[in-house]
């Protein structure tokens, strides 16, 4: 299996790249800066320098050619303003989905955010509000597509704690935290379960193994 990951230098993406390499799959990580390439290689993936804020659909489709699946794990990141939430978390996500369709890569995973479908509560920081709005707009665009077998994953509060391999994965989980290790493990399992296509799933730490949680959802009518 060959997977192309947008945001290939992100914390979740690097973990996913290591998991893919460990089981013998190949991955390519799309990154903005060549300075990030060594970290991507160390994770076992091929770095592709391509700025999704300025690239064309044709250019990104070329990077996706021959892939078995695409994963959008990019984000404007901490310290960025509201404008970049819209150009990356929304605009780049839509561009990446357009490119996947152009390249004929149907399986498409998106790392989104819990609460992206709801108006931000009063008093929410305006940059975080822009982030949620951008994620929600991107998710709505991707969920309207018939040319992709998409799954949108919405983790709770992300931590750098060691993964436990025990999660709660459902249409609605309620608020909670989840280690980035476990988010990457769920993404890996989702790649193997096409029966989860067409689902928007929330993820927090729980009591069910990753494999069981994903398999249960893939079997649901």
C-alpha atoms as a PDB file:
ATOM      1  CA  UNK A   1       0.000   0.000   0.000  1.00  0.00           C
ATOM      2  CA  UNK A   2       1.256   3.491  -0.865  1.00  0.00           C
ATOM      3  CA  UNK A   3      -0.131   6.419   1.135  1.00  0.00           C
ATOM      4  CA  UNK A   4       0.352  10.137   0.498  1.00  0.00           C
ATOM      5  CA  UNK A   5       0.007  12.333   3.578  1.00  0.00           C
ATOM      6  CA  UNK A   6      -0.555  16.079   3.432  1.00  0.00           C
ATOM      7  CA  UNK A   7       1.097  17.785   6.364  1.00  0.00           C
ATOM      8  CA  UNK A   8       3.759  15.095   6.399  1.00  0.00           C
ATOM      9  CA  UNK A   9       5.858  16.782   9.100  1.00  0.00           C
ATOM     10  CA  UNK A  10       2.992  17.127  11.580  1.00  0.00           C
ATOM     11  CA  UNK A  11       3.066  15.238  14.851  1.00  0.00           C
ATOM     12  CA  UNK A  12       0.277  12.846  13.880  1.00  0.00           C
ATOM     13  CA  UNK A  13       1.607  12.409  10.348  1.00  0.00           C
ATOM     14  CA  UNK A  14       5.109  11.472  11.517  1.00  0.00           C
ATOM     15  CA  UNK A  15       3.624   8.857  13.825  1.00  0.00           C
ATOM     16  CA  UNK A  16       1.507   7.452  11.000  1.00  0.00           C
ATOM     17  CA  UNK A  17       4.530   7.342   8.697  1.00  0.00           C
ATOM     18  CA  UNK A  18       6.437   5.288  11.280  1.00  0.00           C
ATOM     19  CA  UNK A  19       3.550   2.859  11.611  1.00  0.00           C
ATOM     20  CA  UNK A  20       3.261   2.444   7.846  1.00  0.00           C
ATOM     21  CA  UNK A  21       7.003   1.876   7.473  1.00  0.00           C
ATOM     22  CA  UNK A  22       7.034  -0.642  10.335  1.00  0.00           C
ATOM     23  CA  UNK A  23       4.562  -2.883   8.540  1.00  0.00           C
ATOM     24  CA  UNK A  24       6.196  -2.555   5.136  1.00  0.00           C
ATOM     25  CA  UNK A  25       3.937  -0.008   3.454  1.00  0.00           C
ATOM     26  CA  UNK A  26       5.300   3.034   1.670  1.00  0.00           C
ATOM     27  CA  UNK A  27       4.365   6.612   2.418  1.00  0.00           C
ATOM     28  CA  UNK A  28       5.100  10.052   1.063  1.00  0.00           C
ATOM     29  CA  UNK A  29       4.762  13.137   3.211  1.00  0.00           C
ATOM     30  CA  UNK A  30       3.938  16.465   1.598  1.00  0.00           C
ATOM     31  CA  UNK A  31       5.834  19.248   3.406  1.00  0.00           C
ATOM     32  CA  UNK A  32       6.188  23.001   2.947  1.00  0.00           C
ATOM     33  CA  UNK A  33       9.924  23.265   3.609  1.00  0.00           C
ATOM     34  CA  UNK A  34      12.927  21.199   2.582  1.00  0.00           C
ATOM     35  CA  UNK A  35      14.205  21.722   6.147  1.00  0.00           C
ATOM     36  CA  UNK A  36      11.610  19.175   7.266  1.00  0.00           C
ATOM     37  CA  UNK A  37      12.712  16.466   4.831  1.00  0.00           C
ATOM     38  CA  UNK A  38      15.185  14.681   7.121  1.00  0.00           C
ATOM     39  CA  UNK A  39      12.537  14.184   9.815  1.00  0.00           C
ATOM     40  CA  UNK A  40      10.149  12.685   7.263  1.00  0.00           C
ATOM     41  CA  UNK A  41      12.846  10.345   5.948  1.00  0.00           C
ATOM     42  CA  UNK A  42      13.701   9.309   9.512  1.00  0.00           C
ATOM     43  CA  UNK A  43      10.053   8.346   9.962  1.00  0.00           C
ATOM     44  CA  UNK A  44      10.351   6.054   6.935  1.00  0.00           C
ATOM     45  CA  UNK A  45       8.547   8.190   4.352  1.00  0.00           C
ATOM     46  CA  UNK A  46       9.511   9.994   1.163  1.00  0.00           C
ATOM     47  CA  UNK A  47       9.417  13.774   1.557  1.00  0.00           C
ATOM     48  CA  UNK A  48       7.678  15.821  -1.141  1.00  0.00           C
ATOM     49  CA  UNK A  49       8.228  19.566  -0.947  1.00  0.00           C
ATOM     50  CA  UNK A  50       4.998  21.226  -2.079  1.00  0.00           C
ATOM     51  CA  UNK A  51       3.249  24.258  -0.591  1.00  0.00           C
ATOM     52  CA  UNK A  52      -0.460  23.441  -0.601  1.00  0.00           C
ATOM     53  CA  UNK A  53      -1.291  27.132  -0.179  1.00  0.00           C
ATOM     54  CA  UNK A  54       0.134  27.954  -3.604  1.00  0.00           C
ATOM     55  CA  UNK A  55       0.215  24.644  -5.528  1.00  0.00           C
ATOM     56  CA  UNK A  56      -2.133  23.826  -8.383  1.00  0.00           C
ATOM     57  CA  UNK A  57      -4.512  20.877  -8.424  1.00  0.00           C
ATOM     58  CA  UNK A  58      -2.514  19.380 -11.301  1.00  0.00           C
ATOM     59  CA  UNK A  59       0.738  19.610  -9.353  1.00  0.00           C
ATOM     60  CA  UNK A  60      -0.689  17.901  -6.276  1.00  0.00           C
ATOM     61  CA  UNK A  61      -2.463  15.291  -8.402  1.00  0.00           C
ATOM     62  CA  UNK A  62       0.919  14.407  -9.858  1.00  0.00           C
ATOM     63  CA  UNK A  63       2.233  13.701  -6.364  1.00  0.00           C
ATOM     64  CA  UNK A  64      -0.815  11.531  -5.677  1.00  0.00           C
ATOM     65  CA  UNK A  65      -0.543   9.483  -8.870  1.00  0.00           C
ATOM     66  CA  UNK A  66      -0.435   5.763  -8.109  1.00  0.00           C
ATOM     67  CA  UNK A  67      -1.337   6.125  -4.423  1.00  0.00           C
ATOM     68  CA  UNK A  68      -3.752   3.730  -2.758  1.00  0.00           C
ATOM     69  CA  UNK A  69      -5.007   6.347  -0.310  1.00  0.00           C
ATOM     70  CA  UNK A  70      -4.577   9.977   0.710  1.00  0.00           C
ATOM     71  CA  UNK A  71      -4.540  11.401   4.237  1.00  0.00           C
ATOM     72  CA  UNK A  72      -5.042  15.100   4.961  1.00  0.00           C
ATOM     73  CA  UNK A  73      -3.275  15.810   8.250  1.00  0.00           C
ATOM     74  CA  UNK A  74      -2.113  19.356   7.499  1.00  0.00           C
ATOM     75  CA  UNK A  75      -2.880  22.424   9.539  1.00  0.00           C
ATOM     76  CA  UNK A  76      -1.781  26.016   9.853  1.00  0.00           C
ATOM     77  CA  UNK A  77      -0.382  25.159  13.253  1.00  0.00           C
ATOM     78  CA  UNK A  78       0.030  27.078  16.502  1.00  0.00           C
ATOM     79  CA  UNK A  79       1.023  30.689  16.190  1.00  0.00           C
ATOM     80  CA  UNK A  80      -0.735  31.194  12.861  1.00  0.00           C
ATOM     81  CA  UNK A  81      -3.481  33.766  12.480  1.00  0.00           C
ATOM     82  CA  UNK A  82      -7.087  33.419  11.434  1.00  0.00           C
ATOM     83  CA  UNK A  83      -6.310  34.012   7.757  1.00  0.00           C
ATOM     84  CA  UNK A  84      -4.052  30.954   7.525  1.00  0.00           C
ATOM     85  CA  UNK A  85      -6.652  28.772   9.208  1.00  0.00           C
ATOM     86  CA  UNK A  86      -8.792  29.399   6.141  1.00  0.00           C
ATOM     87  CA  UNK A  87      -6.009  29.017   3.566  1.00  0.00           C
ATOM     88  CA  UNK A  88      -4.630  25.791   5.081  1.00  0.00           C
ATOM     89  CA  UNK A  89      -7.279  24.075   7.188  1.00  0.00           C
ATOM     90  CA  UNK A  90      -9.965  24.838   4.599  1.00  0.00           C
ATOM     91  CA  UNK A  91      -8.352  25.813   1.308  1.00  0.00           C
ATOM     92  CA  UNK A  92      -5.554  23.239   1.307  1.00  0.00           C
ATOM     93  CA  UNK A  93      -7.944  20.487   2.393  1.00  0.00           C
ATOM     94  CA  UNK A  94     -10.227  21.232  -0.549  1.00  0.00           C
ATOM     95  CA  UNK A  95      -7.276  21.425  -2.950  1.00  0.00           C
ATOM     96  CA  UNK A  96      -5.966  18.074  -1.713  1.00  0.00           C
ATOM     97  CA  UNK A  97      -9.385  16.469  -2.180  1.00  0.00           C
ATOM     98  CA  UNK A  98      -9.653  17.949  -5.691  1.00  0.00           C
ATOM     99  CA  UNK A  99      -6.226  16.513  -6.496  1.00  0.00           C
ATOM    100  CA  UNK A 100      -7.151  13.088  -5.116  1.00  0.00           C
ATOM    101  CA  UNK A 101     -10.201  12.988  -7.371  1.00  0.00           C
ATOM    102  CA  UNK A 102      -8.095  14.144 -10.326  1.00  0.00           C
ATOM    103  CA  UNK A 103      -5.543  11.385  -9.624  1.00  0.00           C
ATOM    104  CA  UNK A 104      -8.207   8.713  -9.115  1.00  0.00           C
ATOM    105  CA  UNK A 105      -7.298   8.087  -5.467  1.00  0.00           C
ATOM    106  CA  UNK A 106     -10.639   7.235  -3.880  1.00  0.00           C
ATOM    107  CA  UNK A 107      -9.733   6.375  -0.274  1.00  0.00           C
ATOM    108  CA  UNK A 108      -9.435   9.665   1.557  1.00  0.00           C
ATOM    109  CA  UNK A 109      -8.944  10.288   5.279  1.00  0.00           C
ATOM    110  CA  UNK A 110      -9.192  13.712   6.884  1.00  0.00           C
ATOM    111  CA  UNK A 111      -7.945  14.665  10.348  1.00  0.00           C
ATOM    112  CA  UNK A 112     -10.427  17.282  11.492  1.00  0.00           C
ATOM    113  CA  UNK A 113     -11.415  18.657  14.896  1.00  0.00           C
ATOM    114  CA  UNK A 114     -14.145  17.927  17.393  1.00  0.00           C
ATOM    115  CA  UNK A 115     -16.782  20.653  17.366  1.00  0.00           C
ATOM    116  CA  UNK A 116     -16.183  21.648  13.753  1.00  0.00           C
ATOM    117  CA  UNK A 117     -19.891  21.344  12.906  1.00  0.00           C
ATOM    118  CA  UNK A 118     -21.070  23.638  15.694  1.00  0.00           C
ATOM    119  CA  UNK A 119     -20.855  27.416  16.079  1.00  0.00           C
ATOM    120  CA  UNK A 120     -17.999  28.304  18.453  1.00  0.00           C
ATOM    121  CA  UNK A 121     -19.258  29.069  21.975  1.00  0.00           C
ATOM    122  CA  UNK A 122     -19.487  32.757  22.932  1.00  0.00           C
ATOM    123  CA  UNK A 123     -16.139  34.054  24.095  1.00  0.00           C
ATOM    124  CA  UNK A 124     -14.098  31.640  21.997  1.00  0.00           C
ATOM    125  CA  UNK A 125     -10.759  33.076  20.922  1.00  0.00           C
ATOM    126  CA  UNK A 126     -11.209  34.437  17.403  1.00  0.00           C
ATOM    127  CA  UNK A 127      -8.287  32.464  15.976  1.00  0.00           C
ATOM    128  CA  UNK A 128      -9.570  29.188  17.421  1.00  0.00           C
ATOM    129  CA  UNK A 129     -13.046  30.069  16.176  1.00  0.00           C
ATOM    130  CA  UNK A 130     -11.594  30.577  12.693  1.00  0.00           C
ATOM    131  CA  UNK A 131      -9.875  27.205  12.982  1.00  0.00           C
ATOM    132  CA  UNK A 132     -13.126  25.412  13.808  1.00  0.00           C
ATOM    133  CA  UNK A 133     -14.980  27.259  11.044  1.00  0.00           C
ATOM    134  CA  UNK A 134     -12.278  26.334   8.526  1.00  0.00           C
ATOM    135  CA  UNK A 135     -12.317  22.675   9.555  1.00  0.00           C
ATOM    136  CA  UNK A 136     -16.098  22.583   9.369  1.00  0.00           C
ATOM    137  CA  UNK A 137     -16.158  24.137   5.901  1.00  0.00           C
ATOM    138  CA  UNK A 138     -13.530  21.695   4.635  1.00  0.00           C
ATOM    139  CA  UNK A 139     -15.376  18.714   6.090  1.00  0.00           C
ATOM    140  CA  UNK A 140     -18.642  19.836   4.491  1.00  0.00           C
ATOM    141  CA  UNK A 141     -16.952  20.106   1.096  1.00  0.00           C
ATOM    142  CA  UNK A 142     -15.381  16.665   1.327  1.00  0.00           C
ATOM    143  CA  UNK A 143     -18.507  14.956   2.659  1.00  0.00           C
ATOM    144  CA  UNK A 144     -20.458  16.242  -0.350  1.00  0.00           C
ATOM    145  CA  UNK A 145     -18.174  14.436  -2.812  1.00  0.00           C
ATOM    146  CA  UNK A 146     -19.173  11.230  -4.567  1.00  0.00           C
ATOM    147  CA  UNK A 147     -15.714  10.737  -6.091  1.00  0.00           C
ATOM    148  CA  UNK A 148     -14.027   9.931  -2.779  1.00  0.00           C
ATOM    149  CA  UNK A 149     -14.430   7.140  -0.242  1.00  0.00           C
ATOM    150  CA  UNK A 150     -13.878   9.579   2.592  1.00  0.00           C
ATOM    151  CA  UNK A 151     -13.706   9.211   6.341  1.00  0.00           C
ATOM    152  CA  UNK A 152     -13.462  12.297   8.551  1.00  0.00           C
ATOM    153  CA  UNK A 153     -11.775  11.718  11.921  1.00  0.00           C
ATOM    154  CA  UNK A 154     -12.348  14.252  14.699  1.00  0.00           C
ATOM    155  CA  UNK A 155     -10.057  13.660  17.682  1.00  0.00           C
ATOM    156  CA  UNK A 156     -10.613  15.226  21.061  1.00  0.00           C
ATOM    157  CA  UNK A 157      -7.936  17.220  22.878  1.00  0.00           C
ATOM    158  CA  UNK A 158      -4.585  15.949  21.628  1.00  0.00           C
ATOM    159  CA  UNK A 159      -1.824  14.952  24.040  1.00  0.00           C
ATOM    160  CA  UNK A 160       1.712  13.642  23.745  1.00  0.00           C
ATOM    161  CA  UNK A 161       1.107  10.930  26.328  1.00  0.00           C
ATOM    162  CA  UNK A 162       2.104   7.431  25.304  1.00  0.00           C
ATOM    163  CA  UNK A 163      -0.665   5.699  23.403  1.00  0.00           C
ATOM    164  CA  UNK A 164      -2.646   3.016  25.174  1.00  0.00           C
ATOM    165  CA  UNK A 165      -4.278   1.449  22.120  1.00  0.00           C
ATOM    166  CA  UNK A 166      -7.641   1.833  23.886  1.00  0.00           C
ATOM    167  CA  UNK A 167     -10.114   4.287  22.409  1.00  0.00           C
ATOM    168  CA  UNK A 168     -13.710   5.340  22.033  1.00  0.00           C
ATOM    169  CA  UNK A 169     -14.556   5.834  18.355  1.00  0.00           C
ATOM    170  CA  UNK A 170     -18.111   6.713  17.377  1.00  0.00           C
ATOM    171  CA  UNK A 171     -20.312   9.196  15.570  1.00  0.00           C
ATOM    172  CA  UNK A 172     -20.446  11.124  18.857  1.00  0.00           C
ATOM    173  CA  UNK A 173     -18.228  10.432  21.848  1.00  0.00           C
ATOM    174  CA  UNK A 174     -18.480  13.529  24.001  1.00  0.00           C
ATOM    175  CA  UNK A 175     -15.450  15.575  24.945  1.00  0.00           C
ATOM    176  CA  UNK A 176     -12.203  14.014  26.045  1.00  0.00           C
ATOM    177  CA  UNK A 177      -8.503  13.718  25.369  1.00  0.00           C
ATOM    178  CA  UNK A 178      -6.584  11.281  23.190  1.00  0.00           C
ATOM    179  CA  UNK A 179      -2.850  10.712  22.655  1.00  0.00           C
ATOM    180  CA  UNK A 180      -1.499  11.468  19.194  1.00  0.00           C
ATOM    181  CA  UNK A 181      -0.086   7.924  19.186  1.00  0.00           C
ATOM    182  CA  UNK A 182      -3.620   6.550  19.286  1.00  0.00           C
ATOM    183  CA  UNK A 183      -4.866   8.946  16.613  1.00  0.00           C
ATOM    184  CA  UNK A 184      -2.167   7.650  14.270  1.00  0.00           C
ATOM    185  CA  UNK A 185      -3.058   4.056  15.133  1.00  0.00           C
ATOM    186  CA  UNK A 186      -6.717   4.718  14.335  1.00  0.00           C
ATOM    187  CA  UNK A 187      -5.791   6.305  11.004  1.00  0.00           C
ATOM    188  CA  UNK A 188      -3.760   3.208  10.134  1.00  0.00           C
ATOM    189  CA  UNK A 189      -6.702   0.967  10.980  1.00  0.00           C
ATOM    190  CA  UNK A 190      -9.123   3.143   8.996  1.00  0.00           C
ATOM    191  CA  UNK A 191      -6.923   2.764   5.920  1.00  0.00           C
ATOM    192  CA  UNK A 192      -7.489  -0.986   6.173  1.00  0.00           C
ATOM    193  CA  UNK A 193     -11.266  -0.761   6.633  1.00  0.00           C
ATOM    194  CA  UNK A 194     -13.038   0.692   3.583  1.00  0.00           C
ATOM    195  CA  UNK A 195     -16.327  -0.062   5.341  1.00  0.00           C
ATOM    196  CA  UNK A 196     -15.804   3.108   7.374  1.00  0.00           C
ATOM    197  CA  UNK A 197     -16.108   5.273   4.237  1.00  0.00           C
ATOM    198  CA  UNK A 198     -18.799   7.917   4.425  1.00  0.00           C
ATOM    199  CA  UNK A 199     -18.483   8.294   8.205  1.00  0.00           C
ATOM    200  CA  UNK A 200     -17.583  11.285  10.361  1.00  0.00           C
ATOM    201  CA  UNK A 201     -16.128   9.866  13.576  1.00  0.00           C
ATOM    202  CA  UNK A 202     -15.129  11.347  16.899  1.00  0.00           C
ATOM    203  CA  UNK A 203     -12.212   9.873  18.828  1.00  0.00           C
ATOM    204  CA  UNK A 204     -11.180   9.995  22.483  1.00  0.00           C
ATOM    205  CA  UNK A 205      -9.422   7.617  24.834  1.00  0.00           C
ATOM    206  CA  UNK A 206     -11.591   4.719  25.934  1.00  0.00           C
ATOM    207  CA  UNK A 207     -11.683   1.021  26.724  1.00  0.00           C
ATOM    208  CA  UNK A 208     -11.894  -0.628  23.298  1.00  0.00           C
ATOM    209  CA  UNK A 209      -8.854  -1.663  21.301  1.00  0.00           C
ATOM    210  CA  UNK A 210      -8.231   0.307  18.125  1.00  0.00           C
ATOM    211  CA  UNK A 211      -8.759  -2.744  15.930  1.00  0.00           C
ATOM    212  CA  UNK A 212     -12.040  -3.677  17.587  1.00  0.00           C
ATOM    213  CA  UNK A 213     -13.321  -0.096  17.502  1.00  0.00           C
ATOM    214  CA  UNK A 214     -12.690   0.305  13.789  1.00  0.00           C
ATOM    215  CA  UNK A 215     -13.935  -3.167  12.880  1.00  0.00           C
ATOM    216  CA  UNK A 216     -17.169  -2.582  14.789  1.00  0.00           C
ATOM    217  CA  UNK A 217     -17.858   0.587  12.824  1.00  0.00           C
ATOM    218  CA  UNK A 218     -17.000  -1.014   9.480  1.00  0.00           C
ATOM    219  CA  UNK A 219     -19.579  -3.746  10.109  1.00  0.00           C
ATOM    220  CA  UNK A 220     -22.388  -1.325  10.982  1.00  0.00           C
ATOM    221  CA  UNK A 221     -25.088  -1.093   8.259  1.00  0.00           C
END
